[in-house]
C-alpha atoms as a PDB file:
ATOM      1  CA  MET A   1      89.675  -8.251 -40.008  1.00  0.00           C
ATOM      2  CA  ASN A   2      90.729  -4.616 -40.202  1.00  0.00           C
ATOM      3  CA  TYR A   3      94.354  -3.648 -39.906  1.00  0.00           C
ATOM      4  CA  PRO A   4      95.585  -0.200 -38.869  1.00  0.00           C
ATOM      5  CA  ALA A   5      96.662   0.483 -42.445  1.00  0.00           C
ATOM      6  CA  ASP A   6      93.112  -0.196 -43.624  1.00  0.00           C
ATOM      7  CA  ASN A   7      91.734   2.231 -41.067  1.00  0.00           C
ATOM      8  CA  VAL A   8      94.156   4.895 -42.201  1.00  0.00           C
ATOM      9  CA  ALA A   9      93.130   4.410 -45.840  1.00  0.00           C
ATOM     10  CA  VAL A  10      89.438   4.642 -44.951  1.00  0.00           C
ATOM     11  CA  HIS A  11      90.080   7.788 -42.916  1.00  0.00           C
ATOM     12  CA  LYS A  12      92.016   9.404 -45.759  1.00  0.00           C
ATOM     13  CA  ALA A  13      89.268   8.549 -48.237  1.00  0.00           C
ATOM     14  CA  SER A  14      86.708  10.100 -45.915  1.00  0.00           C
ATOM     15  CA  ILE A  15      88.740  13.288 -45.577  1.00  0.00           C
ATOM     16  CA  ARG A  16      89.165  13.449 -49.340  1.00  0.00           C
ATOM     17  CA  ARG A  17      85.406  13.169 -49.907  1.00  0.00           C
ATOM     18  CA  GLU A  18      84.695  15.859 -47.321  1.00  0.00           C
ATOM     19  CA  ASN A  19      87.270  18.219 -48.818  1.00  0.00           C
ATOM     20  CA  VAL A  20      86.016  17.682 -52.360  1.00  0.00           C
ATOM     21  CA  VAL A  21      82.450  18.453 -51.270  1.00  0.00           C
ATOM     22  CA  LYS A  22      83.577  21.608 -49.462  1.00  0.00           C
ATOM     23  CA  ILE A  23      85.549  22.791 -52.478  1.00  0.00           C
ATOM     24  CA  LEU A  24      82.721  22.105 -54.921  1.00  0.00           C
ATOM     25  CA  GLU A  25      80.164  23.921 -52.759  1.00  0.00           C
ATOM     26  CA  ALA A  26      82.456  26.917 -52.334  1.00  0.00           C
ATOM     27  CA  ALA A  27      83.368  26.963 -56.016  1.00  0.00           C
ATOM     28  CA  GLU A  28      79.719  26.859 -57.048  1.00  0.00           C
ATOM     29  CA  SER A  29      78.946  30.004 -55.074  1.00  0.00           C
ATOM     30  CA  VAL A  30      82.134  31.874 -56.038  1.00  0.00           C
ATOM     31  CA  PHE A  31      81.863  31.106 -59.761  1.00  0.00           C
ATOM     32  CA  ALA A  32      78.180  32.085 -59.713  1.00  0.00           C
ATOM     33  CA  GLU A  33      79.058  35.420 -58.116  1.00  0.00           C
ATOM     34  CA  LYS A  34      82.248  36.243 -60.011  1.00  0.00           C
ATOM     35  CA  GLY A  35      82.149  34.211 -63.209  1.00  0.00           C
ATOM     36  CA  PHE A  36      85.161  32.199 -64.338  1.00  0.00           C
ATOM     37  CA  LYS A  37      87.491  35.139 -64.903  1.00  0.00           C
ATOM     38  CA  GLY A  38      86.565  36.982 -61.733  1.00  0.00           C
ATOM     39  CA  ALA A  39      86.778  33.966 -59.458  1.00  0.00           C
ATOM     40  CA  SER A  40      90.058  33.075 -57.817  1.00  0.00           C
ATOM     41  CA  VAL A  41      91.214  29.786 -56.399  1.00  0.00           C
ATOM     42  CA  GLY A  42      92.282  31.711 -53.301  1.00  0.00           C
ATOM     43  CA  LEU A  43      88.742  32.929 -52.660  1.00  0.00           C
ATOM     44  CA  ILE A  44      87.338  29.450 -53.261  1.00  0.00           C
ATOM     45  CA  ALA A  45      89.850  27.989 -50.798  1.00  0.00           C
ATOM     46  CA  GLU A  46      89.022  30.672 -48.249  1.00  0.00           C
ATOM     47  CA  ARG A  47      85.289  30.048 -48.539  1.00  0.00           C
ATOM     48  CA  ALA A  48      85.823  26.287 -48.278  1.00  0.00           C
ATOM     49  CA  ASN A  49      88.130  26.829 -45.283  1.00  0.00           C
ATOM     50  CA  ILE A  50      90.762  24.724 -47.014  1.00  0.00           C
ATOM     51  CA  PRO A  51      94.396  25.639 -47.857  1.00  0.00           C
ATOM     52  CA  LYS A  52      94.769  26.888 -51.418  1.00  0.00           C
ATOM     53  CA  PRO A  53      97.296  24.168 -52.387  1.00  0.00           C
ATOM     54  CA  ASN A  54      94.672  21.564 -51.459  1.00  0.00           C
ATOM     55  CA  VAL A  55      92.322  22.916 -54.110  1.00  0.00           C
ATOM     56  CA  TYR A  56      94.995  22.336 -56.739  1.00  0.00           C
ATOM     57  CA  TYR A  57      95.689  18.918 -55.234  1.00  0.00           C
ATOM     58  CA  TYR A  58      92.102  17.764 -55.824  1.00  0.00           C
ATOM     59  CA  PHE A  59      91.496  19.788 -58.982  1.00  0.00           C
ATOM     60  CA  GLY A  60      94.574  20.463 -61.080  1.00  0.00           C
ATOM     61  CA  THR A  61      93.411  23.778 -62.560  1.00  0.00           C
ATOM     62  CA  LYS A  62      90.727  26.397 -62.067  1.00  0.00           C
ATOM     63  CA  GLU A  63      89.202  25.351 -65.396  1.00  0.00           C
ATOM     64  CA  GLU A  64      88.991  21.711 -64.286  1.00  0.00           C
ATOM     65  CA  LEU A  65      87.197  22.780 -61.115  1.00  0.00           C
ATOM     66  CA  TYR A  66      84.864  25.073 -63.055  1.00  0.00           C
ATOM     67  CA  ARG A  67      83.879  22.332 -65.483  1.00  0.00           C
ATOM     68  CA  ARG A  68      83.356  19.838 -62.657  1.00  0.00           C
ATOM     69  CA  VAL A  69      80.998  22.207 -60.853  1.00  0.00           C
ATOM     70  CA  ILE A  70      78.862  22.969 -63.914  1.00  0.00           C
ATOM     71  CA  GLU A  71      78.787  19.393 -65.154  1.00  0.00           C
ATOM     72  CA  ASP A  72      77.734  18.177 -61.703  1.00  0.00           C
ATOM     73  CA  VAL A  73      74.831  20.626 -61.694  1.00  0.00           C
ATOM     74  CA  CYS A  74      73.723  19.654 -65.189  1.00  0.00           C
ATOM     75  CA  SER A  75      74.072  15.943 -64.435  1.00  0.00           C
ATOM     76  CA  ILE A  76      71.562  16.283 -61.601  1.00  0.00           C
ATOM     77  CA  TRP A  77      69.186  18.115 -63.947  1.00  0.00           C
ATOM     78  CA  LEU A  78      69.479  15.370 -66.544  1.00  0.00           C
ATOM     79  CA  HIS A  79      68.837  12.616 -64.015  1.00  0.00           C
ATOM     80  CA  ALA A  80      65.677  14.438 -62.932  1.00  0.00           C
ATOM     81  CA  ALA A  81      64.145  13.128 -66.173  1.00  0.00           C
ATOM     82  CA  ASP A  82      64.954   9.482 -65.423  1.00  0.00           C
ATOM     83  CA  THR A  83      61.211   9.153 -64.802  1.00  0.00           C
ATOM     84  CA  PHE A  84      60.784   9.157 -68.597  1.00  0.00           C
ATOM     85  CA  ASP A  85      62.389   5.693 -68.584  1.00  0.00           C
ATOM     86  CA  GLU A  86      60.780   4.489 -65.369  1.00  0.00           C
ATOM     87  CA  THR A  87      57.124   4.937 -66.327  1.00  0.00           C
ATOM     88  CA  ASN A  88      55.073   4.843 -69.494  1.00  0.00           C
ATOM     89  CA  ASP A  89      52.660   7.398 -68.067  1.00  0.00           C
ATOM     90  CA  PRO A  90      53.533  10.849 -69.491  1.00  0.00           C
ATOM     91  CA  ARG A  91      51.621  12.695 -66.784  1.00  0.00           C
ATOM     92  CA  THR A  92      53.646  11.036 -64.008  1.00  0.00           C
ATOM     93  CA  ALA A  93      56.962  11.412 -65.844  1.00  0.00           C
ATOM     94  CA  ILE A  94      56.486  15.077 -66.709  1.00  0.00           C
ATOM     95  CA  ARG A  95      55.024  15.979 -63.326  1.00  0.00           C
ATOM     96  CA  GLU A  96      57.970  14.433 -61.465  1.00  0.00           C
ATOM     97  CA  TYR A  97      60.508  15.967 -63.824  1.00  0.00           C
ATOM     98  CA  VAL A  98      59.121  19.503 -63.564  1.00  0.00           C
ATOM     99  CA  ALA A  99      58.707  19.247 -59.796  1.00  0.00           C
ATOM    100  CA  SER A 100      62.312  18.050 -59.459  1.00  0.00           C
ATOM    101  CA  LYS A 101      63.589  20.908 -61.641  1.00  0.00           C
ATOM    102  CA  MET A 102      61.718  23.389 -59.452  1.00  0.00           C
ATOM    103  CA  ASP A 103      63.168  21.847 -56.295  1.00  0.00           C
ATOM    104  CA  LEU A 104      66.672  21.994 -57.758  1.00  0.00           C
ATOM    105  CA  ALA A 105      66.219  25.682 -58.561  1.00  0.00           C
ATOM    106  CA  ARG A 106      65.416  26.177 -54.885  1.00  0.00           C
ATOM    107  CA  GLN A 107      68.198  23.938 -53.575  1.00  0.00           C
ATOM    108  CA  ARG A 108      71.001  24.802 -56.018  1.00  0.00           C
ATOM    109  CA  PRO A 109      70.365  28.394 -57.186  1.00  0.00           C
ATOM    110  CA  ASN A 110      74.068  29.151 -57.596  1.00  0.00           C
ATOM    111  CA  GLY A 111      74.494  26.182 -59.892  1.00  0.00           C
ATOM    112  CA  SER A 112      71.632  27.366 -62.081  1.00  0.00           C
ATOM    113  CA  ARG A 113      73.032  30.898 -62.218  1.00  0.00           C
ATOM    114  CA  LEU A 114      76.466  29.588 -63.097  1.00  0.00           C
ATOM    115  CA  TRP A 115      74.980  27.553 -65.945  1.00  0.00           C
ATOM    116  CA  ALA A 116      73.186  30.675 -67.168  1.00  0.00           C
ATOM    117  CA  ILE A 117      76.418  32.676 -67.099  1.00  0.00           C
ATOM    118  CA  GLU A 118      78.217  29.993 -69.106  1.00  0.00           C
ATOM    119  CA  MET A 119      75.425  29.763 -71.684  1.00  0.00           C
ATOM    120  CA  THR A 120      75.000  33.526 -72.133  1.00  0.00           C
ATOM    121  CA  SER A 121      78.768  33.782 -72.619  1.00  0.00           C
ATOM    122  CA  GLY A 122      78.598  31.347 -75.536  1.00  0.00           C
ATOM    123  CA  ALA A 123      79.527  28.242 -73.507  1.00  0.00           C
ATOM    124  CA  PRO A 124      83.301  28.781 -73.938  1.00  0.00           C
ATOM    125  CA  PHE A 125      84.152  25.874 -71.623  1.00  0.00           C
ATOM    126  CA  LEU A 126      81.243  23.538 -72.265  1.00  0.00           C
ATOM    127  CA  LEU A 127      80.627  23.315 -75.999  1.00  0.00           C
ATOM    128  CA  ASP A 128      81.851  19.717 -76.049  1.00  0.00           C
ATOM    129  CA  TYR A 129      79.703  18.820 -73.044  1.00  0.00           C
ATOM    130  CA  LEU A 130      76.622  20.313 -74.701  1.00  0.00           C
ATOM    131  CA  GLU A 131      77.319  18.443 -77.917  1.00  0.00           C
ATOM    132  CA  ASN A 132      78.340  15.089 -76.442  1.00  0.00           C
ATOM    133  CA  THR A 133      76.201  14.858 -73.296  1.00  0.00           C
ATOM    134  CA  VAL A 134      73.266  17.275 -73.221  1.00  0.00           C
ATOM    135  CA  LYS A 135      72.231  16.952 -76.867  1.00  0.00           C
ATOM    136  CA  PRO A 136      72.096  13.117 -76.868  1.00  0.00           C
ATOM    137  CA  TRP A 137      70.120  13.269 -73.619  1.00  0.00           C
ATOM    138  CA  LEU A 138      67.630  15.683 -75.178  1.00  0.00           C
ATOM    139  CA  LEU A 139      67.241  13.493 -78.262  1.00  0.00           C
ATOM    140  CA  SER A 140      66.535  10.476 -76.052  1.00  0.00           C
ATOM    141  CA  ARG A 141      63.827  12.371 -74.140  1.00  0.00           C
ATOM    142  CA  GLU A 142      62.331  13.581 -77.416  1.00  0.00           C
ATOM    143  CA  ARG A 143      62.051   9.995 -78.636  1.00  0.00           C
ATOM    144  CA  VAL A 144      60.128   9.023 -75.508  1.00  0.00           C
ATOM    145  CA  MET A 145      57.699  11.905 -75.921  1.00  0.00           C
ATOM    146  CA  ASP A 146      57.268  11.196 -79.634  1.00  0.00           C
ATOM    147  CA  LYS A 147      56.392   7.579 -78.734  1.00  0.00           C
ATOM    148  CA  TRP A 148      53.753   8.800 -76.290  1.00  0.00           C
ATOM    149  CA  ILE A 149      52.322  11.035 -78.999  1.00  0.00           C
ATOM    150  CA  GLU A 150      52.149   8.086 -81.420  1.00  0.00           C
ATOM    151  CA  GLN A 151      50.392   6.037 -78.732  1.00  0.00           C
ATOM    152  CA  GLY A 152      47.846   8.792 -78.222  1.00  0.00           C
ATOM    153  CA  LYS A 153      48.969   9.384 -74.636  1.00  0.00           C
ATOM    154  CA  LEU A 154      50.162  12.908 -75.344  1.00  0.00           C
ATOM    155  CA  LYS A 155      48.803  15.564 -77.636  1.00  0.00           C
ATOM    156  CA  PRO A 156      50.931  16.444 -80.687  1.00  0.00           C
ATOM    157  CA  LEU A 157      53.679  18.887 -79.750  1.00  0.00           C
ATOM    158  CA  ASN A 158      57.303  19.692 -80.492  1.00  0.00           C
ATOM    159  CA  ALA A 159      59.144  17.921 -77.690  1.00  0.00           C
ATOM    160  CA  ARG A 160      62.281  20.034 -78.028  1.00  0.00           C
ATOM    161  CA  TYR A 161      60.400  23.291 -77.639  1.00  0.00           C
ATOM    162  CA  PHE A 162      58.565  21.741 -74.717  1.00  0.00           C
ATOM    163  CA  PHE A 163      61.854  21.109 -72.917  1.00  0.00           C
ATOM    164  CA  TYR A 164      63.057  24.625 -73.682  1.00  0.00           C
ATOM    165  CA  MET A 165      59.920  25.918 -71.958  1.00  0.00           C
ATOM    166  CA  VAL A 166      60.450  23.692 -68.913  1.00  0.00           C
ATOM    167  CA  TRP A 167      64.070  24.789 -68.564  1.00  0.00           C
ATOM    168  CA  ALA A 168      63.259  28.474 -68.874  1.00  0.00           C
ATOM    169  CA  THR A 169      60.354  28.327 -66.449  1.00  0.00           C
ATOM    170  CA  THR A 170      61.959  26.275 -63.693  1.00  0.00           C
ATOM    171  CA  GLN A 171      65.408  27.861 -63.797  1.00  0.00           C
ATOM    172  CA  ASN A 172      63.822  31.323 -63.693  1.00  0.00           C
ATOM    173  CA  TYR A 173      63.220  30.778 -59.970  1.00  0.00           C
ATOM    174  CA  ALA A 174      66.990  30.644 -59.427  1.00  0.00           C
ATOM    175  CA  ASP A 175      68.394  32.864 -62.180  1.00  0.00           C
ATOM    176  CA  PHE A 176      65.971  35.737 -61.541  1.00  0.00           C
ATOM    177  CA  GLU A 177      65.535  35.267 -57.802  1.00  0.00           C
ATOM    178  CA  THR A 178      66.279  38.937 -57.137  1.00  0.00           C
ATOM    179  CA  GLN A 179      63.463  39.999 -59.455  1.00  0.00           C
ATOM    180  CA  ILE A 180      61.092  37.537 -57.816  1.00  0.00           C
ATOM    181  CA  ASN A 181      62.078  38.754 -54.354  1.00  0.00           C
ATOM    182  CA  ILE A 182      61.399  42.374 -55.280  1.00  0.00           C
ATOM    183  CA  MET A 183      57.996  41.435 -56.708  1.00  0.00           C
ATOM    184  CA  ASN A 184      57.409  39.614 -53.418  1.00  0.00           C
ATOM    185  CA  GLY A 185      57.781  42.736 -51.296  1.00  0.00           C
ATOM    186  CA  GLY A 186      61.545  42.502 -51.015  1.00  0.00           C
ATOM    187  CA  ALA A 187      61.571  39.078 -49.351  1.00  0.00           C
ATOM    188  CA  PRO A 188      62.458  35.626 -50.663  1.00  0.00           C
ATOM    189  CA  LEU A 189      59.568  33.263 -51.283  1.00  0.00           C
ATOM    190  CA  SER A 190      58.652  31.382 -48.131  1.00  0.00           C
ATOM    191  CA  ASP A 191      58.524  27.597 -48.248  1.00  0.00           C
ATOM    192  CA  ASP A 192      54.731  27.761 -48.582  1.00  0.00           C
ATOM    193  CA  GLN A 193      54.950  30.342 -51.377  1.00  0.00           C
ATOM    194  CA  PHE A 194      57.502  28.293 -53.241  1.00  0.00           C
ATOM    195  CA  GLN A 195      55.400  25.148 -52.910  1.00  0.00           C
ATOM    196  CA  ASP A 196      52.443  27.097 -54.300  1.00  0.00           C
ATOM    197  CA  ALA A 197      54.590  28.362 -57.181  1.00  0.00           C
ATOM    198  CA  LYS A 198      55.829  24.831 -57.881  1.00  0.00           C
ATOM    199  CA  ASN A 199      52.292  23.475 -57.942  1.00  0.00           C
ATOM    200  CA  HIS A 200      51.227  26.209 -60.382  1.00  0.00           C
ATOM    201  CA  VAL A 201      54.198  25.600 -62.681  1.00  0.00           C
ATOM    202  CA  VAL A 202      53.634  21.839 -62.700  1.00  0.00           C
ATOM    203  CA  GLN A 203      49.924  22.216 -63.462  1.00  0.00           C
ATOM    204  CA  MET A 204      50.445  24.823 -66.191  1.00  0.00           C
ATOM    205  CA  ILE A 205      53.077  22.702 -67.938  1.00  0.00           C
ATOM    206  CA  LEU A 206      50.922  19.581 -67.700  1.00  0.00           C
ATOM    207  CA  LYS A 207      47.997  21.522 -69.133  1.00  0.00           C
ATOM    208  CA  SER A 208      50.175  22.795 -71.993  1.00  0.00           C
ATOM    209  CA  ALA A 209      50.813  19.150 -72.872  1.00  0.00           C
ATOM    210  CA  GLY A 210      47.119  18.307 -72.678  1.00  0.00           C
ATOM    211  CA  LEU A 211      47.526  16.264 -69.494  1.00  0.00           C
END
C-alpha cells in the first residue's frame, strides 16, 4: 500500500534523476566546446534550463561535474568491450566492440571530444582514473586476446597496439567531424553514409586481426 509520503519520495527521486540527466547532457556539450577552464556553471545551468544553485546541489563543484561527465563517457566505452567476456569467438567480440565504438562516436560526439581535450592537455583531472580504471581494463582485454592467440583463434599481434588503433579510428568520427564534413562536401555524413563507414571500419579492423 502506498502512502502519500511514499508518492512524494518517488516524485522527488524522479525529478532528481531528470535534473541530473539534464545537467550531465548540458555539461558534456559545454565542456566539449569550452574546455574545463572556459566552461562556467552558469552556462551549463542555462543550457540545462535549471537554476545555477541546483547544479551545485547535485554536483558540489565544477570539477566534480567535469569528472562525472568524462568518466560516464569512458565507462560506456569500456562496457562496449563486455563482449570479450561474453563470447569465446574473437570475430564476434571484436566486431561488436568496434561497431559499438563507432555508434558511440555518432551518438556522443561531445563526450569523445571532451575526452580528447582532457588527454591532449595531459589528463590533469583524470590521471588517477586512467591508472586505476582504464589501465586495468586494458590489461584484462589484452589477456583475453592473448588467450585467443594461444588457442590459434587470432593471429599473433600486440593487443595493446590493436586497441590504440581501434580507439583512434572510431573516435576520429567524433573528434574530427568537422574535417570529415568538409571532405563530404560540407555536410555531415548521412545515416547511410555513416553505416557504410562503420561497415568499412569494422571489416578493415577484423582483417587487420586476420579474421
